[in-house]
PDB file of N, CA and C in Angstrom:
ATOM      1  N   MET A   1     -14.842 -22.589   5.559  1.00  0.00           N
ATOM      2  CA  MET A   1     -14.512 -21.722   6.681  1.00  0.00           C
ATOM      3  C   MET A   1     -14.282 -22.580   7.920  1.00  0.00           C
ATOM      4  N   ILE A   2     -13.325 -22.187   8.718  1.00  0.00           N
ATOM      5  CA  ILE A   2     -12.957 -22.873   9.953  1.00  0.00           C
ATOM      6  C   ILE A   2     -13.243 -21.943  11.129  1.00  0.00           C
ATOM      7  N   LEU A   3     -13.857 -22.485  12.179  1.00  0.00           N
ATOM      8  CA  LEU A   3     -14.099 -21.723  13.403  1.00  0.00           C
ATOM      9  C   LEU A   3     -13.122 -22.194  14.463  1.00  0.00           C
ATOM     10  N   GLU A   4     -12.275 -21.296  14.903  1.00  0.00           N
ATOM     11  CA  GLU A   4     -11.365 -21.548  16.023  1.00  0.00           C
ATOM     12  C   GLU A   4     -12.103 -21.184  17.297  1.00  0.00           C
ATOM     13  N   VAL A   5     -12.065 -22.076  18.290  1.00  0.00           N
ATOM     14  CA  VAL A   5     -12.740 -21.843  19.561  1.00  0.00           C
ATOM     15  C   VAL A   5     -11.722 -22.021  20.690  1.00  0.00           C
ATOM     16  N   ALA A   6     -11.593 -21.004  21.531  1.00  0.00           N
ATOM     17  CA  ALA A   6     -10.674 -21.068  22.664  1.00  0.00           C
ATOM     18  C   ALA A   6     -11.380 -20.565  23.914  1.00  0.00           C
ATOM     19  N   MET A   7     -11.421 -21.406  24.944  1.00  0.00           N
ATOM     20  CA  MET A   7     -11.916 -20.987  26.257  1.00  0.00           C
ATOM     21  C   MET A   7     -10.745 -20.359  26.994  1.00  0.00           C
ATOM     22  N   LEU A   8     -10.919 -19.109  27.405  1.00  0.00           N
ATOM     23  CA  LEU A   8      -9.841 -18.361  28.033  1.00  0.00           C
ATOM     24  C   LEU A   8     -10.160 -18.121  29.500  1.00  0.00           C
ATOM     25  N   ASN A   9      -9.407 -18.758  30.362  1.00  0.00           N
ATOM     26  CA  ASN A   9      -9.527 -18.540  31.801  1.00  0.00           C
ATOM     27  C   ASN A   9      -8.427 -17.570  32.208  1.00  0.00           C
ATOM     28  N   VAL A  10      -8.834 -16.349  32.485  1.00  0.00           N
ATOM     29  CA  VAL A  10      -7.903 -15.288  32.834  1.00  0.00           C
ATOM     30  C   VAL A  10      -7.631 -15.353  34.336  1.00  0.00           C
ATOM     31  N   LYS A  11      -6.374 -15.132  34.706  1.00  0.00           N
ATOM     32  CA  LYS A  11      -6.007 -15.142  36.117  1.00  0.00           C
ATOM     33  C   LYS A  11      -6.875 -14.152  36.898  1.00  0.00           C
ATOM     34  N   ALA A  12      -7.160 -14.502  38.141  1.00  0.00           N
ATOM     35  CA  ALA A  12      -8.075 -13.730  38.985  1.00  0.00           C
ATOM     36  C   ALA A  12      -7.722 -12.247  38.995  1.00  0.00           C
ATOM     37  N   ASP A  13      -8.760 -11.453  38.836  1.00  0.00           N
ATOM     38  CA  ASP A  13      -8.688  -9.996  38.939  1.00  0.00           C
ATOM     39  C   ASP A  13      -7.854  -9.319  37.858  1.00  0.00           C
ATOM     40  N   LEU A  14      -7.602 -10.019  36.751  1.00  0.00           N
ATOM     41  CA  LEU A  14      -6.839  -9.418  35.661  1.00  0.00           C
ATOM     42  C   LEU A  14      -7.691  -9.142  34.422  1.00  0.00           C
ATOM     43  N   SER A  15      -9.001  -9.258  34.558  1.00  0.00           N
ATOM     44  CA  SER A  15      -9.873  -9.090  33.397  1.00  0.00           C
ATOM     45  C   SER A  15      -9.752  -7.716  32.749  1.00  0.00           C
ATOM     46  N   VAL A  16      -9.669  -6.682  33.535  1.00  0.00           N
ATOM     47  CA  VAL A  16      -9.579  -5.328  32.970  1.00  0.00           C
ATOM     48  C   VAL A  16      -8.296  -5.193  32.153  1.00  0.00           C
ATOM     49  N   ASP A  17      -7.184  -5.668  32.704  1.00  0.00           N
ATOM     50  CA  ASP A  17      -5.910  -5.608  31.986  1.00  0.00           C
ATOM     51  C   ASP A  17      -5.943  -6.499  30.744  1.00  0.00           C
ATOM     52  N   PHE A  18      -6.552  -7.679  30.868  1.00  0.00           N
ATOM     53  CA  PHE A  18      -6.674  -8.579  29.726  1.00  0.00           C
ATOM     54  C   PHE A  18      -7.469  -7.915  28.606  1.00  0.00           C
ATOM     55  N   GLU A  19      -8.582  -7.311  28.933  1.00  0.00           N
ATOM     56  CA  GLU A  19      -9.422  -6.681  27.909  1.00  0.00           C
ATOM     57  C   GLU A  19      -8.678  -5.541  27.206  1.00  0.00           C
ATOM     58  N   LYS A  20      -7.893  -4.780  27.938  1.00  0.00           N
ATOM     59  CA  LYS A  20      -7.085  -3.721  27.325  1.00  0.00           C
ATOM     60  C   LYS A  20      -6.048  -4.323  26.375  1.00  0.00           C
ATOM     61  N   ALA A  21      -5.392  -5.375  26.818  1.00  0.00           N
ATOM     62  CA  ALA A  21      -4.382  -6.035  25.984  1.00  0.00           C
ATOM     63  C   ALA A  21      -5.032  -6.667  24.759  1.00  0.00           C
ATOM     64  N   PHE A  22      -6.206  -7.253  24.934  1.00  0.00           N
ATOM     65  CA  PHE A  22      -6.891  -7.873  23.799  1.00  0.00           C
ATOM     66  C   PHE A  22      -7.291  -6.820  22.777  1.00  0.00           C
ATOM     67  N   ASN A  23      -7.684  -5.664  23.242  1.00  0.00           N
ATOM     68  CA  ASN A  23      -8.047  -4.582  22.325  1.00  0.00           C
ATOM     69  C   ASN A  23      -6.885  -4.263  21.383  1.00  0.00           C
ATOM     70  N   GLU A  24      -5.675  -4.320  21.894  1.00  0.00           N
ATOM     71  CA  GLU A  24      -4.488  -4.119  21.065  1.00  0.00           C
ATOM     72  C   GLU A  24      -4.204  -5.358  20.209  1.00  0.00           C
ATOM     73  N   ALA A  25      -4.307  -6.536  20.805  1.00  0.00           N
ATOM     74  CA  ALA A  25      -3.985  -7.786  20.109  1.00  0.00           C
ATOM     75  C   ALA A  25      -4.930  -8.073  18.947  1.00  0.00           C
ATOM     76  N   GLN A  26      -6.172  -7.639  19.055  1.00  0.00           N
ATOM     77  CA  GLN A  26      -7.116  -7.926  17.973  1.00  0.00           C
ATOM     78  C   GLN A  26      -6.719  -7.235  16.677  1.00  0.00           C
ATOM     79  N   LYS A  27      -5.948  -6.167  16.765  1.00  0.00           N
ATOM     80  CA  LYS A  27      -5.437  -5.515  15.562  1.00  0.00           C
ATOM     81  C   LYS A  27      -4.453  -6.435  14.836  1.00  0.00           C
ATOM     82  N   ILE A  28      -3.730  -7.232  15.603  1.00  0.00           N
ATOM     83  CA  ILE A  28      -2.762  -8.164  15.022  1.00  0.00           C
ATOM     84  C   ILE A  28      -3.489  -9.266  14.275  1.00  0.00           C
ATOM     85  N   ILE A  29      -4.400  -9.952  14.965  1.00  0.00           N
ATOM     86  CA  ILE A  29      -5.052 -11.102  14.347  1.00  0.00           C
ATOM     87  C   ILE A  29      -5.892 -10.700  13.145  1.00  0.00           C
ATOM     88  N   SER A  30      -6.530  -9.551  13.226  1.00  0.00           N
ATOM     89  CA  SER A  30      -7.404  -9.134  12.130  1.00  0.00           C
ATOM     90  C   SER A  30      -6.626  -8.732  10.879  1.00  0.00           C
ATOM     91  N   SER A  31      -5.329  -8.555  10.997  1.00  0.00           N
ATOM     92  CA  SER A  31      -4.505  -8.188   9.840  1.00  0.00           C
ATOM     93  C   SER A  31      -3.916  -9.407   9.124  1.00  0.00           C
ATOM     94  N   MET A  32      -4.157 -10.603   9.647  1.00  0.00           N
ATOM     95  CA  MET A  32      -3.515 -11.802   9.111  1.00  0.00           C
ATOM     96  C   MET A  32      -4.218 -12.327   7.866  1.00  0.00           C
ATOM     97  N   ASP A  33      -3.423 -12.888   6.952  1.00  0.00           N
ATOM     98  CA  ASP A  33      -3.982 -13.541   5.772  1.00  0.00           C
ATOM     99  C   ASP A  33      -4.877 -14.693   6.208  1.00  0.00           C
ATOM    100  N   GLY A  34      -6.026 -14.813   5.601  1.00  0.00           N
ATOM    101  CA  GLY A  34      -6.949 -15.898   5.909  1.00  0.00           C
ATOM    102  C   GLY A  34      -7.903 -15.611   7.047  1.00  0.00           C
ATOM    103  N   TYR A  35      -7.701 -14.506   7.753  1.00  0.00           N
ATOM    104  CA  TYR A  35      -8.605 -14.093   8.831  1.00  0.00           C
ATOM    105  C   TYR A  35      -9.917 -13.592   8.225  1.00  0.00           C
ATOM    106  N   ILE A  36     -11.033 -13.984   8.848  1.00  0.00           N
ATOM    107  CA  ILE A  36     -12.348 -13.500   8.414  1.00  0.00           C
ATOM    108  C   ILE A  36     -12.967 -12.575   9.461  1.00  0.00           C
ATOM    109  N   SER A  37     -13.099 -13.082  10.700  1.00  0.00           N
ATOM    110  CA  SER A  37     -13.724 -12.283  11.762  1.00  0.00           C
ATOM    111  C   SER A  37     -13.434 -12.928  13.108  1.00  0.00           C
ATOM    112  N   HIS A  38     -13.739 -12.186  14.175  1.00  0.00           N
ATOM    113  CA  HIS A  38     -13.599 -12.774  15.518  1.00  0.00           C
ATOM    114  C   HIS A  38     -14.594 -12.127  16.477  1.00  0.00           C
ATOM    115  N   GLN A  39     -14.822 -12.842  17.575  1.00  0.00           N
ATOM    116  CA  GLN A  39     -15.637 -12.344  18.678  1.00  0.00           C
ATOM    117  C   GLN A  39     -14.978 -12.777  19.977  1.00  0.00           C
ATOM    118  N   LEU A  40     -14.935 -11.896  20.934  1.00  0.00           N
ATOM    119  CA  LEU A  40     -14.520 -12.231  22.288  1.00  0.00           C
ATOM    120  C   LEU A  40     -15.733 -12.008  23.176  1.00  0.00           C
ATOM    121  N   LYS A  41     -16.135 -13.042  23.897  1.00  0.00           N
ATOM    122  CA  LYS A  41     -17.310 -12.977  24.769  1.00  0.00           C
ATOM    123  C   LYS A  41     -16.881 -13.255  26.207  1.00  0.00           C
ATOM    124  N   LYS A  42     -17.465 -12.503  27.140  1.00  0.00           N
ATOM    125  CA  LYS A  42     -17.193 -12.699  28.565  1.00  0.00           C
ATOM    126  C   LYS A  42     -18.310 -13.521  29.187  1.00  0.00           C
ATOM    127  N   CYS A  43     -17.942 -14.483  29.996  1.00  0.00           N
ATOM    128  CA  CYS A  43     -18.912 -15.364  30.647  1.00  0.00           C
ATOM    129  C   CYS A  43     -19.662 -14.611  31.745  1.00  0.00           C
ATOM    130  N   LEU A  44     -20.964 -14.813  31.805  1.00  0.00           N
ATOM    131  CA  LEU A  44     -21.778 -14.201  32.854  1.00  0.00           C
ATOM    132  C   LEU A  44     -21.684 -14.953  34.177  1.00  0.00           C
ATOM    133  N   GLU A  45     -21.537 -16.266  34.091  1.00  0.00           N
ATOM    134  CA  GLU A  45     -21.567 -17.085  35.308  1.00  0.00           C
ATOM    135  C   GLU A  45     -20.214 -17.235  35.999  1.00  0.00           C
ATOM    136  N   VAL A  46     -19.138 -17.162  35.234  1.00  0.00           N
ATOM    137  CA  VAL A  46     -17.806 -17.405  35.803  1.00  0.00           C
ATOM    138  C   VAL A  46     -16.939 -16.162  35.611  1.00  0.00           C
ATOM    139  N   THR A  47     -16.518 -15.579  36.702  1.00  0.00           N
ATOM    140  CA  THR A  47     -15.672 -14.394  36.659  1.00  0.00           C
ATOM    141  C   THR A  47     -14.355 -14.717  35.961  1.00  0.00           C
ATOM    142  N   ASP A  48     -13.881 -13.799  35.154  1.00  0.00           N
ATOM    143  CA  ASP A  48     -12.587 -13.904  34.480  1.00  0.00           C
ATOM    144  C   ASP A  48     -12.525 -15.025  33.435  1.00  0.00           C
ATOM    145  N   LYS A  49     -13.673 -15.434  32.894  1.00  0.00           N
ATOM    146  CA  LYS A  49     -13.690 -16.455  31.847  1.00  0.00           C
ATOM    147  C   LYS A  49     -14.256 -15.851  30.565  1.00  0.00           C
ATOM    148  N   TYR A  50     -13.619 -16.198  29.443  1.00  0.00           N
ATOM    149  CA  TYR A  50     -13.995 -15.676  28.135  1.00  0.00           C
ATOM    150  C   TYR A  50     -14.005 -16.815  27.128  1.00  0.00           C
ATOM    151  N   ILE A  51     -14.649 -16.572  25.997  1.00  0.00           N
ATOM    152  CA  ILE A  51     -14.538 -17.466  24.852  1.00  0.00           C
ATOM    153  C   ILE A  51     -14.131 -16.602  23.661  1.00  0.00           C
ATOM    154  N   LEU A  52     -13.151 -17.107  22.924  1.00  0.00           N
ATOM    155  CA  LEU A  52     -12.692 -16.436  21.719  1.00  0.00           C
ATOM    156  C   LEU A  52     -13.097 -17.287  20.525  1.00  0.00           C
ATOM    157  N   LEU A  53     -13.799 -16.676  19.590  1.00  0.00           N
ATOM    158  CA  LEU A  53     -14.243 -17.330  18.360  1.00  0.00           C
ATOM    159  C   LEU A  53     -13.608 -16.594  17.191  1.00  0.00           C
ATOM    160  N   VAL A  54     -12.855 -17.336  16.371  1.00  0.00           N
ATOM    161  CA  VAL A  54     -12.202 -16.720  15.217  1.00  0.00           C
ATOM    162  C   VAL A  54     -12.554 -17.523  13.974  1.00  0.00           C
ATOM    163  N   ASN A  55     -13.036 -16.845  12.964  1.00  0.00           N
ATOM    164  CA  ASN A  55     -13.309 -17.480  11.673  1.00  0.00           C
ATOM    165  C   ASN A  55     -12.106 -17.282  10.762  1.00  0.00           C
ATOM    166  N   TRP A  56     -11.642 -18.398  10.208  1.00  0.00           N
ATOM    167  CA  TRP A  56     -10.508 -18.423   9.289  1.00  0.00           C
ATOM    168  C   TRP A  56     -10.955 -19.018   7.962  1.00  0.00           C
ATOM    169  N   GLU A  57     -10.304 -18.624   6.891  1.00  0.00           N
ATOM    170  CA  GLU A  57     -10.608 -19.209   5.588  1.00  0.00           C
ATOM    171  C   GLU A  57     -10.243 -20.689   5.554  1.00  0.00           C
ATOM    172  N   THR A  58      -9.100 -21.039   6.154  1.00  0.00           N
ATOM    173  CA  THR A  58      -8.629 -22.430   6.187  1.00  0.00           C
ATOM    174  C   THR A  58      -7.998 -22.717   7.544  1.00  0.00           C
ATOM    175  N   LEU A  59      -7.864 -23.973   7.878  1.00  0.00           N
ATOM    176  CA  LEU A  59      -7.167 -24.384   9.104  1.00  0.00           C
ATOM    177  C   LEU A  59      -5.728 -23.888   9.068  1.00  0.00           C
ATOM    178  N   GLU A  60      -5.084 -24.015   7.917  1.00  0.00           N
ATOM    179  CA  GLU A  60      -3.686 -23.629   7.785  1.00  0.00           C
ATOM    180  C   GLU A  60      -3.470 -22.128   7.967  1.00  0.00           C
ATOM    181  N   ALA A  61      -4.472 -21.326   7.640  1.00  0.00           N
ATOM    182  CA  ALA A  61      -4.358 -19.879   7.868  1.00  0.00           C
ATOM    183  C   ALA A  61      -4.116 -19.599   9.343  1.00  0.00           C
ATOM    184  N   HIS A  62      -4.734 -20.410  10.202  1.00  0.00           N
ATOM    185  CA  HIS A  62      -4.527 -20.245  11.641  1.00  0.00           C
ATOM    186  C   HIS A  62      -3.277 -20.963  12.115  1.00  0.00           C
ATOM    187  N   THR A  63      -3.211 -22.271  11.854  1.00  0.00           N
ATOM    188  CA  THR A  63      -2.162 -23.095  12.454  1.00  0.00           C
ATOM    189  C   THR A  63      -0.779 -22.852  11.873  1.00  0.00           C
ATOM    190  N   GLU A  64      -0.697 -22.520  10.604  1.00  0.00           N
ATOM    191  CA  GLU A  64       0.605 -22.278   9.975  1.00  0.00           C
ATOM    192  C   GLU A  64       0.852 -20.793   9.743  1.00  0.00           C
ATOM    193  N   GLY A  65      -0.126 -20.128   9.132  1.00  0.00           N
ATOM    194  CA  GLY A  65       0.051 -18.710   8.812  1.00  0.00           C
ATOM    195  C   GLY A  65       0.175 -17.834  10.041  1.00  0.00           C
ATOM    196  N   PHE A  66      -0.859 -17.830  10.867  1.00  0.00           N
ATOM    197  CA  PHE A  66      -0.852 -16.976  12.058  1.00  0.00           C
ATOM    198  C   PHE A  66       0.165 -17.459  13.085  1.00  0.00           C
ATOM    199  N   ARG A  67       0.069 -18.716  13.476  1.00  0.00           N
ATOM    200  CA  ARG A  67       0.974 -19.212  14.527  1.00  0.00           C
ATOM    201  C   ARG A  67       2.436 -19.245  14.100  1.00  0.00           C
ATOM    202  N   GLY A  68       2.681 -19.275  12.806  1.00  0.00           N
ATOM    203  CA  GLY A  68       4.058 -19.283  12.318  1.00  0.00           C
ATOM    204  C   GLY A  68       4.607 -17.901  12.011  1.00  0.00           C
ATOM    205  N   SER A  69       3.837 -16.884  12.289  1.00  0.00           N
ATOM    206  CA  SER A  69       4.231 -15.521  11.904  1.00  0.00           C
ATOM    207  C   SER A  69       4.960 -14.781  13.027  1.00  0.00           C
ATOM    208  N   ALA A  70       5.689 -13.745  12.632  1.00  0.00           N
ATOM    209  CA  ALA A  70       6.321 -12.850  13.606  1.00  0.00           C
ATOM    210  C   ALA A  70       5.256 -12.135  14.430  1.00  0.00           C
ATOM    211  N   GLU A  71       4.121 -11.835  13.806  1.00  0.00           N
ATOM    212  CA  GLU A  71       3.027 -11.153  14.510  1.00  0.00           C
ATOM    213  C   GLU A  71       2.491 -11.999  15.665  1.00  0.00           C
ATOM    214  N   TYR A  72       2.540 -13.324  15.518  1.00  0.00           N
ATOM    215  CA  TYR A  72       2.073 -14.202  16.592  1.00  0.00           C
ATOM    216  C   TYR A  72       2.924 -14.026  17.845  1.00  0.00           C
ATOM    217  N   GLN A  73       4.197 -13.745  17.665  1.00  0.00           N
ATOM    218  CA  GLN A  73       5.066 -13.514  18.823  1.00  0.00           C
ATOM    219  C   GLN A  73       4.599 -12.281  19.599  1.00  0.00           C
ATOM    220  N   ASP A  74       4.145 -11.266  18.878  1.00  0.00           N
ATOM    221  CA  ASP A  74       3.599 -10.066  19.537  1.00  0.00           C
ATOM    222  C   ASP A  74       2.291 -10.399  20.251  1.00  0.00           C
ATOM    223  N   TRP A  75       1.443 -11.209  19.609  1.00  0.00           N
ATOM    224  CA  TRP A  75       0.187 -11.679  20.204  1.00  0.00           C
ATOM    225  C   TRP A  75       0.482 -12.401  21.517  1.00  0.00           C
ATOM    226  N   LYS A  76       1.432 -13.319  21.488  1.00  0.00           N
ATOM    227  CA  LYS A  76       1.803 -14.080  22.689  1.00  0.00           C
ATOM    228  C   LYS A  76       2.252 -13.152  23.814  1.00  0.00           C
ATOM    229  N   LYS A  77       3.098 -12.181  23.493  1.00  0.00           N
ATOM    230  CA  LYS A  77       3.600 -11.254  24.510  1.00  0.00           C
ATOM    231  C   LYS A  77       2.470 -10.450  25.146  1.00  0.00           C
ATOM    232  N   LEU A  78       1.488 -10.082  24.337  1.00  0.00           N
ATOM    233  CA  LEU A  78       0.363  -9.305  24.845  1.00  0.00           C
ATOM    234  C   LEU A  78      -0.580 -10.124  25.718  1.00  0.00           C
ATOM    235  N   LEU A  79      -0.810 -11.407  25.369  1.00  0.00           N
ATOM    236  CA  LEU A  79      -1.922 -12.148  25.967  1.00  0.00           C
ATOM    237  C   LEU A  79      -1.581 -13.397  26.776  1.00  0.00           C
ATOM    238  N   HIS A  80      -0.578 -14.137  26.410  1.00  0.00           N
ATOM    239  CA  HIS A  80      -0.412 -15.476  26.991  1.00  0.00           C
ATOM    240  C   HIS A  80      -0.157 -15.481  28.492  1.00  0.00           C
ATOM    241  N   HIS A  81       0.384 -14.441  29.043  1.00  0.00           N
ATOM    242  CA  HIS A  81       0.651 -14.416  30.481  1.00  0.00           C
ATOM    243  C   HIS A  81      -0.624 -14.244  31.325  1.00  0.00           C
ATOM    244  N   PHE A  82      -1.750 -13.961  30.686  1.00  0.00           N
ATOM    245  CA  PHE A  82      -3.005 -13.801  31.422  1.00  0.00           C
ATOM    246  C   PHE A  82      -3.686 -15.127  31.741  1.00  0.00           C
ATOM    247  N   TYR A  83      -3.343 -16.214  31.053  1.00  0.00           N
ATOM    248  CA  TYR A  83      -4.131 -17.447  31.109  1.00  0.00           C
ATOM    249  C   TYR A  83      -3.656 -18.423  32.178  1.00  0.00           C
ATOM    250  N   GLU A  84      -4.638 -19.001  32.872  1.00  0.00           N
ATOM    251  CA  GLU A  84      -4.370 -20.068  33.847  1.00  0.00           C
ATOM    252  C   GLU A  84      -5.614 -20.934  33.976  1.00  0.00           C
ATOM    253  N   PRO A  85      -5.616 -22.143  33.458  1.00  0.00           N
ATOM    254  CA  PRO A  85      -4.540 -22.788  32.702  1.00  0.00           C
ATOM    255  C   PRO A  85      -4.488 -22.255  31.278  1.00  0.00           C
ATOM    256  N   PHE A  86      -3.455 -22.675  30.552  1.00  0.00           N
ATOM    257  CA  PHE A  86      -3.341 -22.246  29.161  1.00  0.00           C
ATOM    258  C   PHE A  86      -4.495 -22.847  28.371  1.00  0.00           C
ATOM    259  N   PRO A  87      -5.123 -22.068  27.487  1.00  0.00           N
ATOM    260  CA  PRO A  87      -6.327 -22.543  26.792  1.00  0.00           C
ATOM    261  C   PRO A  87      -6.075 -23.673  25.799  1.00  0.00           C
ATOM    262  N   ILE A  88      -7.073 -24.523  25.696  1.00  0.00           N
ATOM    263  CA  ILE A  88      -7.122 -25.524  24.643  1.00  0.00           C
ATOM    264  C   ILE A  88      -7.851 -24.876  23.475  1.00  0.00           C
ATOM    265  N   VAL A  89      -7.260 -24.980  22.296  1.00  0.00           N
ATOM    266  CA  VAL A  89      -7.852 -24.396  21.096  1.00  0.00           C
ATOM    267  C   VAL A  89      -8.346 -25.531  20.208  1.00  0.00           C
ATOM    268  N   GLU A  90      -9.589 -25.415  19.763  1.00  0.00           N
ATOM    269  CA  GLU A  90     -10.171 -26.421  18.878  1.00  0.00           C
ATOM    270  C   GLU A  90     -10.679 -25.734  17.616  1.00  0.00           C
ATOM    271  N   HIS A  91     -10.837 -26.535  16.573  1.00  0.00           N
ATOM    272  CA  HIS A  91     -11.304 -26.026  15.286  1.00  0.00           C
ATOM    273  C   HIS A  91     -12.548 -26.778  14.861  1.00  0.00           C
ATOM    274  N   TYR A  92     -13.510 -26.045  14.317  1.00  0.00           N
ATOM    275  CA  TYR A  92     -14.811 -26.612  13.942  1.00  0.00           C
ATOM    276  C   TYR A  92     -15.165 -26.241  12.505  1.00  0.00           C
ATOM    277  N   VAL A  93     -15.925 -27.142  11.884  1.00  0.00           N
ATOM    278  CA  VAL A  93     -16.448 -26.889  10.543  1.00  0.00           C
ATOM    279  C   VAL A  93     -17.945 -27.066  10.571  1.00  0.00           C
ATOM    280  N   GLU A  94     -18.614 -26.432   9.634  1.00  0.00           N
ATOM    281  CA  GLU A  94     -20.065 -26.558   9.543  1.00  0.00           C
ATOM    282  C   GLU A  94     -20.426 -27.938   8.985  1.00  0.00           C
ATOM    283  N   VAL A  95     -21.514 -28.505   9.496  1.00  0.00           N
ATOM    284  CA  VAL A  95     -21.978 -29.818   8.997  1.00  0.00           C
ATOM    285  C   VAL A  95     -23.252 -29.656   8.203  1.00  0.00           C
TER     286      VAL A  95
END
């Protein structure tokens, strides 16, 4: 299993709109092959900051399957305009 981790810095005062858009976008990601689960957490200390954790069966399920899909284009349209700066995405494995 692979854990995708993305720190999401949402543009000031757009958290409510981001959360609404994410509610729709999560339907996209959860329908993808290789998807296991996800969590979106809001930071208590920093306004408009979130962490997205997604469990995938394999790295390729995320990097090739999801990112290479038509559905990813819909995901981008829903969410990418909220971020400043654009998030760095990292992948982790259990040790």
